[in-house]
Amino acid sequence: MISIVIPTRDEPYIGKLIEEINQRLAAPHEIIVVDKSSTPPQLAGARLIRQQSNGLGAAIVEGFKAAQGDILVVMDGDGSHDPAYLDSMAKFIRDYDIVIGSKYVPGGSTEDYPGRILVSRAFNLFVSAFLGLRVKDCMSGFAMIRRGLVEELVLRPRGYKIVLEIMYKGVKWKGAKIKEIPVMFRKRQAGKSKVGFNLAGFREAVRIAVLALSLKFGRDTGGSGA
């Protein structure tokens, strides 16, 4: 079974996204929404968990622990990650440990504005080279992962980029195989982004830099994770 983990905080599109997933994904699945909204959303077709920790990465770890499937999916709650790609990702996960929805492989694209694309590409180039990852879109938050891999890793999430941590530790310590498939990264379907060219965006950039440094020079040696 596939367990789809979606962290949310005041995301007006989440109900529609749940409908899209349930309509499009043919494989047996469950949807786990890990929420830290001021007022919990009323949802149908998904399991709602109130987040006990702080931060998006930590929310995803909470969702992993609650998940029942042997395949885990991470995706955003704003509709930028199109559920139409889930079936294709599920086909590739048979032969890989991690499947990434990538904007930057041939056939991939994004509806983001040019300034944000420039910043994203620059961070991807830097982080991929710094960590030695042969991944075009290492900042992607849209991923399908074998549960067995996650359970073998010690995860210490910082900020939003827990998929980056899983990729790096998975490759370094467990020899994980990664496949990127092209996706079209949609604009946020509703609500307002919490990260952009603002203080929140600057803080997230700092978190990414700190995460890359800690992954590169940290002393993690694998071990049991989520």
C-alpha atoms as a PDB file:
ATOM      1  CA  MET A   1       0.000   0.000   0.000  1.00  0.00           C
ATOM      2  CA  ILE A   2       1.052   3.581  -0.651  1.00  0.00           C
ATOM      3  CA  SER A   3       0.931   6.062   2.227  1.00  0.00           C
ATOM      4  CA  ILE A   4       0.803   9.708   1.136  1.00  0.00           C
ATOM      5  CA  VAL A   5       1.973  12.150   3.806  1.00  0.00           C
ATOM      6  CA  ILE A   6       0.965  15.791   3.400  1.00  0.00           C
ATOM      7  CA  PRO A   7       2.025  18.392   6.000  1.00  0.00           C
ATOM      8  CA  THR A   8      -0.314  21.389   6.204  1.00  0.00           C
ATOM      9  CA  ARG A   9      -0.781  24.659   8.013  1.00  0.00           C
ATOM     10  CA  ASP A  10      -3.778  26.726   6.956  1.00  0.00           C
ATOM     11  CA  GLU A  11      -3.859  25.249   3.426  1.00  0.00           C
ATOM     12  CA  PRO A  12      -7.214  26.031   1.752  1.00  0.00           C
ATOM     13  CA  TYR A  13      -6.577  23.607  -1.138  1.00  0.00           C
ATOM     14  CA  ILE A  14      -6.113  20.460   0.925  1.00  0.00           C
ATOM     15  CA  GLY A  15      -9.683  19.186   0.540  1.00  0.00           C
ATOM     16  CA  LYS A  16      -9.530  19.470  -3.247  1.00  0.00           C
ATOM     17  CA  LEU A  17      -6.076  17.859  -3.315  1.00  0.00           C
ATOM     18  CA  ILE A  18      -7.383  14.850  -1.393  1.00  0.00           C
ATOM     19  CA  GLU A  19     -10.169  14.476  -3.965  1.00  0.00           C
ATOM     20  CA  GLU A  20      -7.624  14.622  -6.819  1.00  0.00           C
ATOM     21  CA  ILE A  21      -5.412  11.967  -5.241  1.00  0.00           C
ATOM     22  CA  ASN A  22      -8.288   9.578  -4.578  1.00  0.00           C
ATOM     23  CA  GLN A  23      -9.587  10.015  -8.123  1.00  0.00           C
ATOM     24  CA  ARG A  24      -6.232   9.633  -9.885  1.00  0.00           C
ATOM     25  CA  LEU A  25      -4.217   7.067  -7.918  1.00  0.00           C
ATOM     26  CA  ALA A  26      -5.315   3.575  -8.877  1.00  0.00           C
ATOM     27  CA  ALA A  27      -3.115   1.670  -6.396  1.00  0.00           C
ATOM     28  CA  PRO A  28      -4.342   0.941  -2.846  1.00  0.00           C
ATOM     29  CA  HIS A  29      -3.419   3.954  -0.735  1.00  0.00           C
ATOM     30  CA  GLU A  30      -4.030   6.049   2.324  1.00  0.00           C
ATOM     31  CA  ILE A  31      -3.664   9.811   2.768  1.00  0.00           C
ATOM     32  CA  ILE A  32      -2.289  11.177   6.028  1.00  0.00           C
ATOM     33  CA  VAL A  33      -2.577  14.929   6.588  1.00  0.00           C
ATOM     34  CA  VAL A  34      -0.306  16.136   9.382  1.00  0.00           C
ATOM     35  CA  ASP A  35      -1.800  19.486  10.303  1.00  0.00           C
ATOM     36  CA  LYS A  36      -0.779  22.438  12.427  1.00  0.00           C
ATOM     37  CA  SER A  37      -3.469  24.912  11.396  1.00  0.00           C
ATOM     38  CA  SER A  38      -4.961  27.288  13.911  1.00  0.00           C
ATOM     39  CA  THR A  39      -8.292  25.586  13.209  1.00  0.00           C
ATOM     40  CA  PRO A  40      -8.139  21.907  12.137  1.00  0.00           C
ATOM     41  CA  PRO A  41      -9.611  21.348   8.661  1.00  0.00           C
ATOM     42  CA  GLN A  42     -12.643  19.152   8.147  1.00  0.00           C
ATOM     43  CA  LEU A  43     -11.509  16.484   5.714  1.00  0.00           C
ATOM     44  CA  ALA A  44     -13.069  13.536   3.893  1.00  0.00           C
ATOM     45  CA  GLY A  45     -11.079  10.733   2.315  1.00  0.00           C
ATOM     46  CA  ALA A  46      -7.962  11.180   4.476  1.00  0.00           C
ATOM     47  CA  ARG A  47      -6.696  10.662   8.000  1.00  0.00           C
ATOM     48  CA  LEU A  48      -5.984  13.850   9.940  1.00  0.00           C
ATOM     49  CA  ILE A  49      -3.190  13.980  12.519  1.00  0.00           C
ATOM     50  CA  ARG A  50      -2.570  17.074  14.604  1.00  0.00           C
ATOM     51  CA  GLN A  51       1.165  17.804  14.497  1.00  0.00           C
ATOM     52  CA  GLN A  52       2.870  17.606  17.889  1.00  0.00           C
ATOM     53  CA  SER A  53       6.326  18.757  16.753  1.00  0.00           C
ATOM     54  CA  ASN A  54       7.508  21.926  15.008  1.00  0.00           C
ATOM     55  CA  GLY A  55       8.549  22.326  11.387  1.00  0.00           C
ATOM     56  CA  LEU A  56       7.545  20.775   8.092  1.00  0.00           C
ATOM     57  CA  GLY A  57      10.244  18.115   8.111  1.00  0.00           C
ATOM     58  CA  ALA A  58       9.251  16.997  11.589  1.00  0.00           C
ATOM     59  CA  ALA A  59       5.611  16.841  10.465  1.00  0.00           C
ATOM     60  CA  ILE A  60       6.585  14.434   7.696  1.00  0.00           C
ATOM     61  CA  VAL A  61       8.430  12.208  10.173  1.00  0.00           C
ATOM     62  CA  GLU A  62       5.264  12.116  12.314  1.00  0.00           C
ATOM     63  CA  GLY A  63       3.319  11.089   9.224  1.00  0.00           C
ATOM     64  CA  PHE A  64       5.822   8.344   8.408  1.00  0.00           C
ATOM     65  CA  LYS A  65       5.419   6.898  11.892  1.00  0.00           C
ATOM     66  CA  ALA A  66       1.627   6.814  11.505  1.00  0.00           C
ATOM     67  CA  ALA A  67       1.735   5.361   7.982  1.00  0.00           C
ATOM     68  CA  GLN A  68       0.751   1.767   7.299  1.00  0.00           C
ATOM     69  CA  GLY A  69       2.040   1.426   3.729  1.00  0.00           C
ATOM     70  CA  ASP A  70       5.325  -0.045   2.512  1.00  0.00           C
ATOM     71  CA  ILE A  71       5.682   2.873   0.084  1.00  0.00           C
ATOM     72  CA  LEU A  72       5.782   6.458   1.397  1.00  0.00           C
ATOM     73  CA  VAL A  73       4.986   9.616  -0.548  1.00  0.00           C
ATOM     74  CA  VAL A  74       5.850  13.176   0.396  1.00  0.00           C
ATOM     75  CA  MET A  75       3.964  16.006  -1.310  1.00  0.00           C
ATOM     76  CA  ASP A  76       2.893  19.579  -0.631  1.00  0.00           C
ATOM     77  CA  GLY A  77      -0.625  20.524   0.385  1.00  0.00           C
ATOM     78  CA  ASP A  78      -0.940  23.573  -1.874  1.00  0.00           C
ATOM     79  CA  GLY A  79      -1.574  21.687  -5.120  1.00  0.00           C
ATOM     80  CA  SER A  80       1.820  22.419  -6.661  1.00  0.00           C
ATOM     81  CA  HIS A  81       2.540  18.683  -6.845  1.00  0.00           C
ATOM     82  CA  ASP A  82       0.126  17.161  -9.352  1.00  0.00           C
ATOM     83  CA  PRO A  83      -1.331  13.782  -8.251  1.00  0.00           C
ATOM     84  CA  ALA A  84      -1.477  12.792 -11.926  1.00  0.00           C
ATOM     85  CA  TYR A  85       2.179  11.699 -11.620  1.00  0.00           C
ATOM     86  CA  LEU A  86       1.651   9.283  -8.742  1.00  0.00           C
ATOM     87  CA  ASP A  87       0.850   6.278 -10.950  1.00  0.00           C
ATOM     88  CA  SER A  88       4.060   6.783 -12.945  1.00  0.00           C
ATOM     89  CA  MET A  89       6.085   7.136  -9.763  1.00  0.00           C
ATOM     90  CA  ALA A  90       4.545   3.919  -8.445  1.00  0.00           C
ATOM     91  CA  LYS A  91       5.731   2.030 -11.544  1.00  0.00           C
ATOM     92  CA  PHE A  92       9.331   3.165 -11.089  1.00  0.00           C
ATOM     93  CA  ILE A  93       9.448   2.513  -7.322  1.00  0.00           C
ATOM     94  CA  ARG A  94       9.449  -1.208  -8.155  1.00  0.00           C
ATOM     95  CA  ASP A  95      13.077  -0.845  -9.307  1.00  0.00           C
ATOM     96  CA  TYR A  96      14.308   2.129  -7.258  1.00  0.00           C
ATOM     97  CA  ASP A  97      14.444   3.159  -3.612  1.00  0.00           C
ATOM     98  CA  ILE A  98      13.466   6.791  -4.213  1.00  0.00           C
ATOM     99  CA  VAL A  99      11.534   8.327  -7.109  1.00  0.00           C
ATOM    100  CA  ILE A 100      11.712  12.114  -7.392  1.00  0.00           C
ATOM    101  CA  GLY A 101       9.277  14.361  -9.236  1.00  0.00           C
ATOM    102  CA  SER A 102      11.776  16.602 -11.016  1.00  0.00           C
ATOM    103  CA  LYS A 103      11.347  19.982 -12.697  1.00  0.00           C
ATOM    104  CA  TYR A 104      14.831  19.944 -14.194  1.00  0.00           C
ATOM    105  CA  VAL A 105      15.121  16.699 -16.131  1.00  0.00           C
ATOM    106  CA  PRO A 106      14.082  16.678 -19.830  1.00  0.00           C
ATOM    107  CA  GLY A 107      10.308  16.983 -19.998  1.00  0.00           C
ATOM    108  CA  GLY A 108      10.029  18.640 -16.585  1.00  0.00           C
ATOM    109  CA  SER A 109       8.890  22.225 -16.122  1.00  0.00           C
ATOM    110  CA  THR A 110       7.606  24.743 -13.598  1.00  0.00           C
ATOM    111  CA  GLU A 111       5.035  27.521 -13.533  1.00  0.00           C
ATOM    112  CA  ASP A 112       7.110  29.525 -11.045  1.00  0.00           C
ATOM    113  CA  TYR A 113       8.125  33.061 -11.900  1.00  0.00           C
ATOM    114  CA  PRO A 114      11.620  33.593 -13.399  1.00  0.00           C
ATOM    115  CA  GLY A 115      13.278  34.983 -10.260  1.00  0.00           C
ATOM    116  CA  ARG A 116      12.265  32.001  -8.169  1.00  0.00           C
ATOM    117  CA  ILE A 117      13.352  29.574 -10.903  1.00  0.00           C
ATOM    118  CA  LEU A 118      16.774  31.225 -10.988  1.00  0.00           C
ATOM    119  CA  VAL A 119      17.208  30.940  -7.227  1.00  0.00           C
ATOM    120  CA  SER A 120      15.975  27.323  -7.233  1.00  0.00           C
ATOM    121  CA  ARG A 121      18.359  26.296 -10.012  1.00  0.00           C
ATOM    122  CA  ALA A 122      21.290  27.984  -8.283  1.00  0.00           C
ATOM    123  CA  PHE A 123      20.585  26.191  -4.986  1.00  0.00           C
ATOM    124  CA  ASN A 124      20.141  22.883  -6.797  1.00  0.00           C
ATOM    125  CA  LEU A 125      23.462  23.208  -8.588  1.00  0.00           C
ATOM    126  CA  PHE A 126      25.278  24.175  -5.393  1.00  0.00           C
ATOM    127  CA  VAL A 127      23.756  21.538  -3.135  1.00  0.00           C
ATOM    128  CA  SER A 128      23.986  18.699  -5.675  1.00  0.00           C
ATOM    129  CA  ALA A 129      27.665  19.437  -6.330  1.00  0.00           C
ATOM    130  CA  PHE A 130      28.479  20.001  -2.651  1.00  0.00           C
ATOM    131  CA  LEU A 131      26.856  16.742  -1.547  1.00  0.00           C
ATOM    132  CA  GLY A 132      27.885  14.739  -4.598  1.00  0.00           C
ATOM    133  CA  LEU A 133      24.311  13.863  -5.530  1.00  0.00           C
ATOM    134  CA  ARG A 134      23.654  13.019  -9.168  1.00  0.00           C
ATOM    135  CA  VAL A 135      20.203  14.544  -8.960  1.00  0.00           C
ATOM    136  CA  LYS A 136      18.963  17.452 -11.070  1.00  0.00           C
ATOM    137  CA  ASP A 137      16.226  18.545  -8.647  1.00  0.00           C
ATOM    138  CA  CYS A 138      17.555  17.745  -5.187  1.00  0.00           C
ATOM    139  CA  MET A 139      15.292  20.454  -3.707  1.00  0.00           C
ATOM    140  CA  SER A 140      12.136  18.684  -4.864  1.00  0.00           C
ATOM    141  CA  GLY A 141       9.621  18.012  -2.113  1.00  0.00           C
ATOM    142  CA  PHE A 142       7.683  15.534  -4.261  1.00  0.00           C
ATOM    143  CA  ALA A 143       8.990  12.017  -3.712  1.00  0.00           C
ATOM    144  CA  MET A 144       8.026   8.363  -3.404  1.00  0.00           C
ATOM    145  CA  ILE A 145      10.246   6.332  -1.080  1.00  0.00           C
ATOM    146  CA  ARG A 146      10.495   2.729   0.021  1.00  0.00           C
ATOM    147  CA  ARG A 147       9.561   2.508   3.675  1.00  0.00           C
ATOM    148  CA  GLY A 148      12.352   0.034   4.333  1.00  0.00           C
ATOM    149  CA  LEU A 149      14.920   2.679   3.412  1.00  0.00           C
ATOM    150  CA  VAL A 150      13.409   5.308   5.710  1.00  0.00           C
ATOM    151  CA  GLU A 151      13.348   2.861   8.611  1.00  0.00           C
ATOM    152  CA  GLU A 152      17.097   2.307   8.220  1.00  0.00           C
ATOM    153  CA  LEU A 153      17.949   6.017   8.479  1.00  0.00           C
ATOM    154  CA  VAL A 154      18.295   8.418  11.396  1.00  0.00           C
ATOM    155  CA  LEU A 155      16.444  11.534  10.292  1.00  0.00           C
ATOM    156  CA  ARG A 156      17.101  14.932  11.881  1.00  0.00           C
ATOM    157  CA  PRO A 157      14.902  17.242   9.800  1.00  0.00           C
ATOM    158  CA  ARG A 158      15.804  20.919   9.421  1.00  0.00           C
ATOM    159  CA  GLY A 159      13.298  23.176   7.688  1.00  0.00           C
ATOM    160  CA  TYR A 160      11.478  21.965   4.584  1.00  0.00           C
ATOM    161  CA  LYS A 161      14.013  19.749   2.828  1.00  0.00           C
ATOM    162  CA  ILE A 162      13.627  16.348   4.457  1.00  0.00           C
ATOM    163  CA  VAL A 163      13.632  14.654   1.029  1.00  0.00           C
ATOM    164  CA  LEU A 164      17.157  15.993   0.505  1.00  0.00           C
ATOM    165  CA  GLU A 165      18.210  14.447   3.822  1.00  0.00           C
ATOM    166  CA  ILE A 166      16.665  11.101   2.874  1.00  0.00           C
ATOM    167  CA  MET A 167      18.364  11.141  -0.541  1.00  0.00           C
ATOM    168  CA  TYR A 168      21.803  11.992   0.808  1.00  0.00           C
ATOM    169  CA  LYS A 169      21.745   9.586   3.740  1.00  0.00           C
ATOM    170  CA  GLY A 170      20.100   6.893   1.640  1.00  0.00           C
ATOM    171  CA  VAL A 171      22.779   7.081  -1.047  1.00  0.00           C
ATOM    172  CA  LYS A 172      25.722   7.520   1.330  1.00  0.00           C
ATOM    173  CA  TRP A 173      24.884   4.919   3.943  1.00  0.00           C
ATOM    174  CA  LYS A 174      22.590   2.460   2.148  1.00  0.00           C
ATOM    175  CA  GLY A 175      23.510   2.745  -1.528  1.00  0.00           C
ATOM    176  CA  ALA A 176      19.981   3.829  -2.407  1.00  0.00           C
ATOM    177  CA  LYS A 177      19.000   4.026  -6.074  1.00  0.00           C
ATOM    178  CA  ILE A 178      17.256   7.236  -7.169  1.00  0.00           C
ATOM    179  CA  LYS A 179      15.114   7.832 -10.248  1.00  0.00           C
ATOM    180  CA  GLU A 180      13.965  11.279 -11.384  1.00  0.00           C
ATOM    181  CA  ILE A 181      10.856  11.542 -13.519  1.00  0.00           C
ATOM    182  CA  PRO A 182       9.777  14.758 -15.261  1.00  0.00           C
ATOM    183  CA  VAL A 183       6.893  16.652 -13.697  1.00  0.00           C
ATOM    184  CA  MET A 184       5.283  20.014 -14.246  1.00  0.00           C
ATOM    185  CA  PHE A 185       5.489  21.948 -10.981  1.00  0.00           C
ATOM    186  CA  ARG A 186       2.194  23.825 -10.768  1.00  0.00           C
ATOM    187  CA  LYS A 187       1.613  27.202  -9.223  1.00  0.00           C
ATOM    188  CA  ARG A 188       0.095  27.174  -5.750  1.00  0.00           C
ATOM    189  CA  GLN A 189      -3.582  26.432  -6.376  1.00  0.00           C
ATOM    190  CA  ALA A 190      -4.942  28.443  -3.444  1.00  0.00           C
ATOM    191  CA  GLY A 191      -3.747  30.512  -0.506  1.00  0.00           C
ATOM    192  CA  LYS A 192      -0.497  32.379  -0.066  1.00  0.00           C
ATOM    193  CA  SER A 193       3.015  30.956  -0.052  1.00  0.00           C
ATOM    194  CA  LYS A 194       4.810  31.044   3.288  1.00  0.00           C
ATOM    195  CA  VAL A 195       8.240  31.138   1.612  1.00  0.00           C
ATOM    196  CA  GLY A 196       9.417  33.521  -1.100  1.00  0.00           C
ATOM    197  CA  PHE A 197      11.593  36.593  -1.440  1.00  0.00           C
ATOM    198  CA  ASN A 198      10.959  37.541   2.183  1.00  0.00           C
ATOM    199  CA  LEU A 199      12.298  36.875   5.669  1.00  0.00           C
ATOM    200  CA  ALA A 200      10.826  33.367   5.680  1.00  0.00           C
ATOM    201  CA  GLY A 201      12.549  32.670   2.364  1.00  0.00           C
ATOM    202  CA  PHE A 202      15.872  33.932   3.700  1.00  0.00           C
ATOM    203  CA  ARG A 203      15.549  31.786   6.812  1.00  0.00           C
ATOM    204  CA  GLU A 204      14.777  28.727   4.697  1.00  0.00           C
ATOM    205  CA  ALA A 205      17.830  29.411   2.526  1.00  0.00           C
ATOM    206  CA  VAL A 206      19.941  29.516   5.691  1.00  0.00           C
ATOM    207  CA  ARG A 207      18.380  26.236   6.867  1.00  0.00           C
ATOM    208  CA  ILE A 208      19.222  24.598   3.545  1.00  0.00           C
ATOM    209  CA  ALA A 209      22.838  25.748   3.813  1.00  0.00           C
ATOM    210  CA  VAL A 210      23.066  24.501   7.394  1.00  0.00           C
ATOM    211  CA  LEU A 211      21.443  21.195   6.404  1.00  0.00           C
ATOM    212  CA  ALA A 212      23.922  20.700   3.546  1.00  0.00           C
ATOM    213  CA  LEU A 213      26.846  21.401   5.875  1.00  0.00           C
ATOM    214  CA  SER A 214      25.533  19.095   8.582  1.00  0.00           C
ATOM    215  CA  LEU A 215      24.936  16.293   6.075  1.00  0.00           C
ATOM    216  CA  LYS A 216      28.378  16.684   4.549  1.00  0.00           C
ATOM    217  CA  PHE A 217      30.361  16.987   7.769  1.00  0.00           C
ATOM    218  CA  GLY A 218      28.057  15.318  10.308  1.00  0.00           C
ATOM    219  CA  ARG A 219      28.763  11.989  11.950  1.00  0.00           C
ATOM    220  CA  ASP A 220      25.553  10.121  11.216  1.00  0.00           C
ATOM    221  CA  THR A 221      26.247   6.502  10.336  1.00  0.00           C
ATOM    222  CA  GLY A 222      22.795   5.328   9.369  1.00  0.00           C
ATOM    223  CA  GLY A 223      20.950   3.297  11.968  1.00  0.00           C
ATOM    224  CA  SER A 224      17.262   2.860  12.678  1.00  0.00           C
ATOM    225  CA  GLY A 225      15.027   5.769  11.731  1.00  0.00           C
ATOM    226  CA  ALA A 226      11.302   6.438  11.436  1.00  0.00           C
END
